[in-house]
Structure formats: structure tokens, C-alpha cells
Protein backbone atom coordinates (compact mmCIF):
# COMPACT_ATOMS: atom_id res chain seq x y z
CA MET A 1 0.00 0.00 0.00
CA THR A 2 1.29 3.48 -0.85
CA ASP A 3 0.79 6.67 1.09
CA HIS A 4 -0.05 8.67 -2.02
CA SER A 5 -1.92 8.62 -5.31
CA LYS A 6 0.07 9.12 -8.53
CA PHE A 7 -1.21 10.96 -11.57
CA VAL A 8 0.40 11.77 -14.91
CA PHE A 9 -0.66 14.54 -17.29
CA ILE A 10 -0.42 13.45 -20.92
CA VAL A 11 -0.05 16.06 -23.64
CA GLU A 12 -0.10 14.90 -27.25
CA GLY A 13 0.70 11.32 -26.22
CA GLU A 14 3.64 12.20 -23.94
CA ILE A 15 3.78 12.42 -20.15
CA ALA A 16 4.38 16.11 -19.51
CA PHE A 17 3.88 16.26 -15.76
CA ARG A 18 3.66 13.86 -12.82
CA LEU A 19 1.78 14.62 -9.63
CA LEU A 20 1.83 12.74 -6.34
CA VAL A 21 -1.13 13.43 -4.03
CA PRO A 22 -0.15 12.59 -0.45
CA GLN A 23 -2.71 10.96 1.83
CA SER A 24 -4.51 13.58 3.90
CA HIS A 25 -8.02 14.72 4.78
CA LEU A 26 -8.17 16.22 1.24
CA THR A 27 -7.08 13.14 -0.71
CA GLU A 28 -10.56 11.93 -1.63
CA ARG A 29 -11.56 15.38 -2.93
CA GLN A 30 -8.30 15.81 -4.86
CA VAL A 31 -8.48 12.36 -6.47
CA ALA A 32 -12.11 12.98 -7.47
CA ALA A 33 -11.15 16.29 -9.07
CA LEU A 34 -8.17 14.85 -10.94
CA THR A 35 -10.15 11.91 -12.33
CA SER A 36 -13.09 14.04 -13.54
CA ASN A 37 -11.51 15.49 -16.71
CA PRO A 38 -10.72 18.86 -15.11
CA THR A 39 -10.13 22.18 -16.80
CA ILE A 40 -6.76 23.52 -15.67
CA MET A 41 -6.17 27.26 -15.62
CA GLN A 42 -3.20 29.36 -14.61
CA LEU A 43 -3.99 32.17 -12.18
CA ASP A 44 -1.91 35.06 -10.91
CA PRO A 45 -0.42 33.93 -7.55
CA THR A 46 -2.23 36.80 -5.81
CA HIS A 47 -5.69 35.76 -7.12
CA PRO A 48 -7.85 34.81 -4.12
CA ALA A 49 -9.69 31.85 -5.77
CA ASP A 50 -9.45 28.70 -3.64
CA THR A 51 -11.13 25.38 -2.94
CA GLY A 52 -14.90 25.77 -2.91
CA TRP A 53 -15.03 28.73 -5.30
CA SER A 54 -17.04 28.40 -8.51
CA TYR A 55 -16.27 29.45 -12.08
CA ASP A 56 -19.00 30.52 -14.51
CA GLY A 57 -16.87 30.45 -17.65
CA SER A 58 -15.55 33.98 -17.27
CA GLU A 59 -15.32 34.84 -13.56
CA PHE A 60 -14.55 33.12 -10.24
CA HIS A 61 -17.03 33.42 -7.37
CA PRO A 62 -16.40 32.76 -3.66
CA PRO A 63 -18.58 30.25 -1.82
CA ALA A 64 -22.02 31.61 -0.88
């Protein structure tokens, strides 16, 4: 048994990035997100968006 989940990101048939998700209270949520065909976006490091925020296709919204 391992203490992490391993993911690879494949771009045009080649592994471009590997990600290890360590076991924690967030593991189940992270694995679900990574296995659901996510959209990955790059944000400015100062952008406040975080877990639980929503995205409507053009803007991020904090949890209600």
C-alpha cells in the first residue's frame, strides 16, 4: 500500500507532468477532481480563488 496517489498529465501522447497526491483529509476530494476530466487554468499567484469557489466560464465566485 502506498501513502499517495500518482497521476500523470499526458499532452499529445507524452507524459508532460507527474503529480503525487499525499494521503490527507483532502485526498478523496483531490483524487475525485483529478479523475473528472478537469479544466486547468493558470492564475496570478495573488488571485484569491481557492477550494470551494465556482467558475462561470468567465469569472470566479467565492462560496455563498
